[in-house]
């Protein structure tokens, strides 16, 4: 009887792809990486996401709850590229978890797997919130997601070798579905190529590069610096000479600058989810790009 039960249990675990070992604890700095870790790990991972889709990833408080999660995690998955520079080092210091320190296998940076855009030729804090390694908002090009997914699947298998086959199988499945979705998105997004837009922050460079959108103005005079009314008036004067089709902002950003310009330039201000959880439709990585394209195409009509 006992032997029959063990056979049944083994069959059930294989059928539902439930790993035998305890779930790997993953600390994701941003929702996009939490969603990716869940895609690749399934029931083999327990994912905690430190930020939400309605939160600026630059500005995060190193709360005691985050420190507690960092203290007991097995793998930290972050963007890197200095995006979390203002809060992540303090978490590492306060948590004292030797398994996940930068440089070791327990720390994974997405930026290490892609080519970053907009690497500055010189560093000067007077120029605003400049990232020394380049623009870190890399997840908004789905081709980058594919590159990061391959790297993360290998890291999961390295950390949790017992479930290596499981991670490979889930990556193969995700890669197949993601490739199909990218083909669909690229077909849907074809009408957006060459469209002139205004952005609130340099969050959209990778999305623009992928879809062929032209960013002709930014509502921040310098990265991370809120615009004054005088600066917004300059942007408005610029748009009268070189019109744009829409103004784009992230769901977590202040609505007032884009609304002010939208009313005076008579062009739509489009709120995009930016990351998973940034809208009701962006519940996972697929929904993020589905909803982003739907909003852009609607505004472009």
Protein backbone atom coordinates (compact mmCIF):
# COMPACT_ATOMS: atom_id res chain seq x y z
CA UNK A 1 0.00 0.00 0.00
CA UNK A 2 2.78 2.39 0.94
CA UNK A 3 4.66 1.60 -2.29
CA UNK A 4 1.54 2.23 -4.38
CA UNK A 5 1.02 5.58 -2.65
CA UNK A 6 4.60 6.64 -3.40
CA UNK A 7 4.12 5.75 -7.07
CA UNK A 8 0.93 7.82 -7.14
CA UNK A 9 2.65 10.77 -5.46
CA UNK A 10 5.56 10.68 -7.90
CA UNK A 11 3.15 10.58 -10.87
CA UNK A 12 1.19 13.53 -9.47
CA UNK A 13 4.35 15.59 -8.98
CA UNK A 14 5.43 14.96 -12.57
CA UNK A 15 1.96 15.66 -13.95
CA UNK A 16 1.65 19.02 -12.25
CA UNK A 17 5.36 19.86 -12.54
CA UNK A 18 5.66 20.30 -8.78
CA UNK A 19 9.30 19.97 -7.68
CA UNK A 20 10.07 17.65 -4.81
CA UNK A 21 12.42 20.06 -3.02
CA UNK A 22 11.36 23.17 -1.10
CA UNK A 23 10.55 26.24 -3.18
CA UNK A 24 13.46 28.53 -3.99
CA UNK A 25 12.96 31.97 -2.43
CA UNK A 26 13.35 34.75 -5.01
CA UNK A 27 13.51 38.46 -4.17
CA UNK A 28 12.60 40.48 -7.30
CA UNK A 29 13.41 44.19 -7.23
CA UNK A 30 10.80 45.09 -9.87
CA UNK A 31 7.47 43.54 -10.95
CA UNK A 32 8.73 42.57 -14.42
CA UNK A 33 11.42 40.34 -12.91
CA UNK A 34 9.04 38.90 -10.36
CA UNK A 35 6.72 37.97 -13.22
CA UNK A 36 9.59 36.47 -15.23
CA UNK A 37 10.84 34.44 -12.26
CA UNK A 38 7.31 33.09 -11.76
CA UNK A 39 7.10 32.16 -15.46
CA UNK A 40 10.40 30.28 -15.34
CA UNK A 41 10.07 28.79 -11.88
CA UNK A 42 6.40 28.02 -11.48
CA UNK A 43 5.81 26.05 -8.25
CA UNK A 44 9.57 25.60 -7.78
CA UNK A 45 9.94 29.23 -6.69
CA UNK A 46 8.41 31.50 -4.08
CA UNK A 47 8.65 35.03 -5.50
CA UNK A 48 8.56 38.21 -3.43
CA UNK A 49 8.45 41.49 -5.38
CA UNK A 50 9.84 44.54 -3.62
CA UNK A 51 8.06 47.21 -5.69
CA UNK A 52 4.72 47.63 -7.46
CA UNK A 53 3.65 48.78 -10.90
CA UNK A 54 2.55 52.09 -9.39
CA UNK A 55 5.89 52.84 -7.75
CA UNK A 56 8.93 54.64 -9.11
CA UNK A 57 11.72 52.01 -9.09
CA UNK A 58 14.31 54.74 -8.54
CA UNK A 59 12.73 55.81 -5.27
CA UNK A 60 12.22 52.96 -2.84
CA UNK A 61 12.48 53.04 0.93
CA UNK A 62 14.60 50.29 2.49
CA UNK A 63 11.78 49.28 4.82
CA UNK A 64 12.19 46.67 7.58
CA UNK A 65 9.87 44.34 5.66
CA UNK A 66 12.20 44.45 2.63
CA UNK A 67 15.22 43.82 4.85
CA UNK A 68 13.47 40.80 6.38
CA UNK A 69 12.69 39.38 2.95
CA UNK A 70 16.25 39.98 1.77
CA UNK A 71 17.61 38.25 4.86
CA UNK A 72 15.95 34.93 4.03
CA UNK A 73 16.00 34.91 0.22
CA UNK A 74 18.03 32.54 -1.97
CA UNK A 75 18.20 34.63 -5.16
CA UNK A 76 17.91 38.37 -5.81
CA UNK A 77 16.78 39.36 -9.31
CA UNK A 78 17.14 43.05 -10.18
CA UNK A 79 17.52 45.31 -13.20
CA UNK A 80 20.97 46.59 -12.30
CA UNK A 81 22.47 49.36 -14.39
CA UNK A 82 22.33 51.56 -11.26
CA UNK A 83 18.52 51.61 -11.29
CA UNK A 84 18.34 50.45 -7.65
CA UNK A 85 21.48 52.26 -6.53
CA UNK A 86 19.54 54.48 -4.12
CA UNK A 87 18.13 51.64 -2.01
CA UNK A 88 19.44 48.17 -2.85
CA UNK A 89 22.95 48.51 -1.32
CA UNK A 90 21.36 49.45 2.01
CA UNK A 91 19.18 46.33 1.88
CA UNK A 92 22.23 44.16 1.28
CA UNK A 93 24.05 45.82 4.16
CA UNK A 94 21.18 45.59 6.63
CA UNK A 95 20.14 42.04 5.70
CA UNK A 96 23.62 40.53 5.94
CA UNK A 97 22.67 37.61 3.68
CA UNK A 98 25.95 36.26 2.29
CA UNK A 99 24.13 34.04 -0.25
CA UNK A 100 22.90 36.98 -2.36
CA UNK A 101 25.70 39.53 -2.31
CA UNK A 102 26.65 41.09 -5.67
CA UNK A 103 29.28 39.07 -7.47
CA UNK A 104 27.93 35.73 -6.30
CA UNK A 105 25.47 33.32 -7.94
CA UNK A 106 22.67 34.46 -5.63
CA UNK A 107 22.58 37.91 -7.25
CA UNK A 108 21.24 38.30 -10.80
CA UNK A 109 21.29 41.52 -12.82
CA UNK A 110 19.19 41.73 -15.99
CA UNK A 111 21.40 44.53 -17.34
CA UNK A 112 24.32 42.09 -17.67
CA UNK A 113 22.50 40.25 -20.47
CA UNK A 114 21.59 43.15 -22.80
CA UNK A 115 23.25 46.11 -24.48
CA UNK A 116 22.20 49.25 -22.65
CA UNK A 117 21.21 52.35 -24.59
CA UNK A 118 22.18 55.96 -23.89
CA UNK A 119 25.46 55.33 -22.09
CA UNK A 120 26.63 58.84 -21.07
CA UNK A 121 29.85 60.21 -22.52
CA UNK A 122 30.49 62.11 -19.27
CA UNK A 123 29.15 61.95 -15.73
CA UNK A 124 27.95 65.15 -14.11
CA UNK A 125 25.31 65.23 -11.37
CA UNK A 126 24.36 68.70 -12.58
CA UNK A 127 22.83 66.95 -15.58
CA UNK A 128 20.23 65.24 -13.38
CA UNK A 129 19.71 61.58 -12.53
CA UNK A 130 22.29 60.16 -14.94
CA UNK A 131 22.92 56.40 -14.92
CA UNK A 132 26.60 55.71 -15.52
CA UNK A 133 26.02 52.36 -17.22
CA UNK A 134 23.26 53.57 -19.54
CA UNK A 135 19.48 53.67 -19.58
CA UNK A 136 18.26 50.92 -17.20
CA UNK A 137 14.61 50.68 -18.38
CA UNK A 138 15.54 47.71 -20.55
CA UNK A 139 12.47 45.54 -19.98
CA UNK A 140 10.32 47.59 -22.37
CA UNK A 141 11.87 45.86 -25.37
CA UNK A 142 10.52 42.28 -25.41
CA UNK A 143 13.67 41.13 -27.20
CA UNK A 144 15.54 42.01 -24.03
CA UNK A 145 13.08 39.99 -21.96
CA UNK A 146 13.98 36.96 -24.09
CA UNK A 147 17.70 37.47 -23.44
CA UNK A 148 17.21 37.94 -19.71
CA UNK A 149 14.92 34.89 -19.53
CA UNK A 150 17.63 32.64 -20.98
CA UNK A 151 20.13 33.91 -18.43
CA UNK A 152 17.74 33.68 -15.51
CA UNK A 153 16.70 30.10 -16.35
CA UNK A 154 20.35 29.06 -16.25
CA UNK A 155 20.89 30.85 -12.94
CA UNK A 156 17.85 29.20 -11.39
CA UNK A 157 19.20 25.82 -12.47
CA UNK A 158 22.61 26.69 -11.04
CA UNK A 159 21.19 27.72 -7.66
CA UNK A 160 18.65 24.90 -7.52
CA UNK A 161 20.26 22.06 -9.46
CA UNK A 162 17.73 19.51 -8.20
CA UNK A 163 15.10 21.21 -10.36
CA UNK A 164 17.34 22.05 -13.34
CA UNK A 165 15.24 20.01 -15.77
CA UNK A 166 12.10 21.74 -14.52
CA UNK A 167 13.56 25.21 -15.16
CA UNK A 168 14.75 24.22 -18.63
CA UNK A 169 11.33 22.88 -19.55
CA UNK A 170 9.56 26.00 -18.34
CA UNK A 171 12.03 28.23 -20.17
CA UNK A 172 11.49 26.29 -23.40
CA UNK A 173 7.73 26.75 -23.03
CA UNK A 174 8.04 30.45 -22.17
CA UNK A 175 10.44 31.05 -25.06
CA UNK A 176 8.03 29.44 -27.53
CA UNK A 177 5.08 31.51 -26.33
CA UNK A 178 7.15 34.70 -26.10
CA UNK A 179 8.50 34.34 -29.65
CA UNK A 180 4.96 33.90 -30.97
CA UNK A 181 3.76 36.93 -29.01
CA UNK A 182 6.63 39.09 -30.29
CA UNK A 183 5.71 38.30 -33.88
CA UNK A 184 2.13 39.34 -33.15
CA UNK A 185 3.17 42.53 -31.33
CA UNK A 186 5.51 43.56 -34.13
CA UNK A 187 2.73 43.14 -36.68
CA UNK A 188 0.30 45.09 -34.52
CA UNK A 189 2.84 47.83 -33.84
CA UNK A 190 3.84 48.38 -37.48
CA UNK A 191 1.59 51.50 -37.83
CA UNK A 192 3.49 53.16 -34.95
CA UNK A 193 6.82 53.21 -36.78
CA UNK A 194 8.12 56.75 -37.25
CA UNK A 195 5.45 58.31 -35.02
CA UNK A 196 6.62 61.42 -33.15
CA UNK A 197 5.97 61.33 -29.41
CA UNK A 198 6.74 63.27 -26.24
CA UNK A 199 7.77 61.35 -23.11
CA UNK A 200 7.69 62.41 -19.48
CA UNK A 201 10.89 60.59 -18.51
CA UNK A 202 13.50 58.59 -20.41
CA UNK A 203 11.63 55.42 -19.46
CA UNK A 204 10.65 54.52 -23.01
CA UNK A 205 13.88 54.44 -25.00
CA UNK A 206 13.82 50.66 -25.40
CA UNK A 207 10.15 50.64 -26.37
CA UNK A 208 10.85 53.40 -28.90
CA UNK A 209 13.84 51.54 -30.28
CA UNK A 210 11.78 48.37 -30.72
CA UNK A 211 8.69 49.97 -32.29
CA UNK A 212 10.45 52.76 -34.18
CA UNK A 213 8.78 55.61 -32.26
CA UNK A 214 10.53 59.02 -32.41
CA UNK A 215 10.92 60.77 -29.06
CA UNK A 216 11.16 64.45 -30.03
CA UNK A 217 10.82 66.02 -26.56
CA UNK A 218 10.94 65.09 -22.87
CA UNK A 219 8.89 66.76 -20.16
CA UNK A 220 11.78 66.63 -17.70
CA UNK A 221 14.40 69.29 -18.38
CA UNK A 222 16.96 66.86 -16.95
CA UNK A 223 16.46 63.22 -15.95
CA UNK A 224 14.59 63.04 -12.66
CA UNK A 225 14.01 66.82 -12.47
CA UNK A 226 10.33 67.89 -12.45
CA UNK A 227 9.46 70.43 -15.16
CA UNK A 228 8.68 74.06 -14.36
CA UNK A 229 5.85 75.91 -16.07
CA UNK A 230 8.45 77.89 -18.02
CA UNK A 231 10.06 74.71 -19.32
CA UNK A 232 6.70 73.21 -20.29
CA UNK A 233 5.99 76.40 -22.23
CA UNK A 234 9.24 75.85 -24.13
CA UNK A 235 8.17 72.31 -25.00
CA UNK A 236 4.78 73.63 -26.16
CA UNK A 237 6.49 76.16 -28.43
CA UNK A 238 8.67 73.37 -29.82
CA UNK A 239 5.62 71.23 -30.58
CA UNK A 240 4.05 74.05 -32.57
CA UNK A 241 7.06 73.85 -34.85
CA UNK A 242 7.43 70.05 -34.77
CA UNK A 243 4.10 68.43 -33.84
CA UNK A 244 3.89 65.15 -31.97
CA UNK A 245 1.14 62.56 -32.01
CA UNK A 246 0.92 61.88 -28.27
CA UNK A 247 2.49 62.34 -24.84
CA UNK A 248 3.51 59.22 -22.94
CA UNK A 249 3.88 58.80 -19.21
CA UNK A 250 4.12 55.86 -16.83
CA UNK A 251 1.25 54.98 -14.52
CA UNK A 252 3.33 55.93 -11.48
CA UNK A 253 4.31 59.37 -12.75
CA UNK A 254 2.69 62.72 -11.92
CA UNK A 255 -0.19 63.31 -14.32
CA UNK A 256 -0.06 67.12 -14.19
CA UNK A 257 2.78 67.92 -16.65
CA UNK A 258 1.40 65.68 -19.42
CA UNK A 259 -2.15 66.91 -18.80
CA UNK A 260 -1.03 70.56 -19.00
CA UNK A 261 0.75 69.98 -22.30
CA UNK A 262 -2.02 67.79 -23.70
CA UNK A 263 -4.65 70.47 -23.19
CA UNK A 264 -2.57 73.19 -24.85
CA UNK A 265 -1.01 71.17 -27.67
CA UNK A 266 -4.32 69.36 -28.36
CA UNK A 267 -2.73 65.90 -28.44
CA UNK A 268 -3.61 62.91 -26.24
CA UNK A 269 -1.71 62.13 -23.05
CA UNK A 270 -1.33 58.36 -22.83
CA UNK A 271 -0.79 56.55 -19.55
CA UNK A 272 1.14 53.31 -20.14
CA UNK A 273 1.48 50.56 -17.53
CA UNK A 274 5.32 50.61 -17.73
CA UNK A 275 5.53 47.30 -15.86
CA UNK A 276 3.45 44.39 -14.64
CA UNK A 277 0.71 45.72 -12.37
CA UNK A 278 0.77 49.19 -13.92
CA UNK A 279 -2.77 48.65 -15.21
CA UNK A 280 -5.58 46.16 -14.68
CA UNK A 281 -4.72 44.53 -18.02
CA UNK A 282 -0.98 44.25 -17.39
CA UNK A 283 -1.24 41.32 -15.01
CA UNK A 284 1.77 39.49 -16.43
CA UNK A 285 4.50 40.12 -19.01
CA UNK A 286 2.24 39.22 -21.92
CA UNK A 287 -0.48 41.53 -20.65
CA UNK A 288 2.06 44.32 -20.21
CA UNK A 289 2.87 44.43 -23.92
CA UNK A 290 -0.70 43.67 -25.02
CA UNK A 291 -2.00 46.64 -23.05
CA UNK A 292 0.89 48.94 -24.00
CA UNK A 293 0.32 48.36 -27.71
CA UNK A 294 -3.46 48.68 -27.40
CA UNK A 295 -3.11 52.08 -25.71
CA UNK A 296 -0.55 53.36 -28.20
CA UNK A 297 -2.58 52.24 -31.21
CA UNK A 298 -5.76 53.81 -29.82
CA UNK A 299 -4.00 57.15 -29.28
CA UNK A 300 -2.46 57.00 -32.77
CA UNK A 301 -5.84 56.77 -34.52
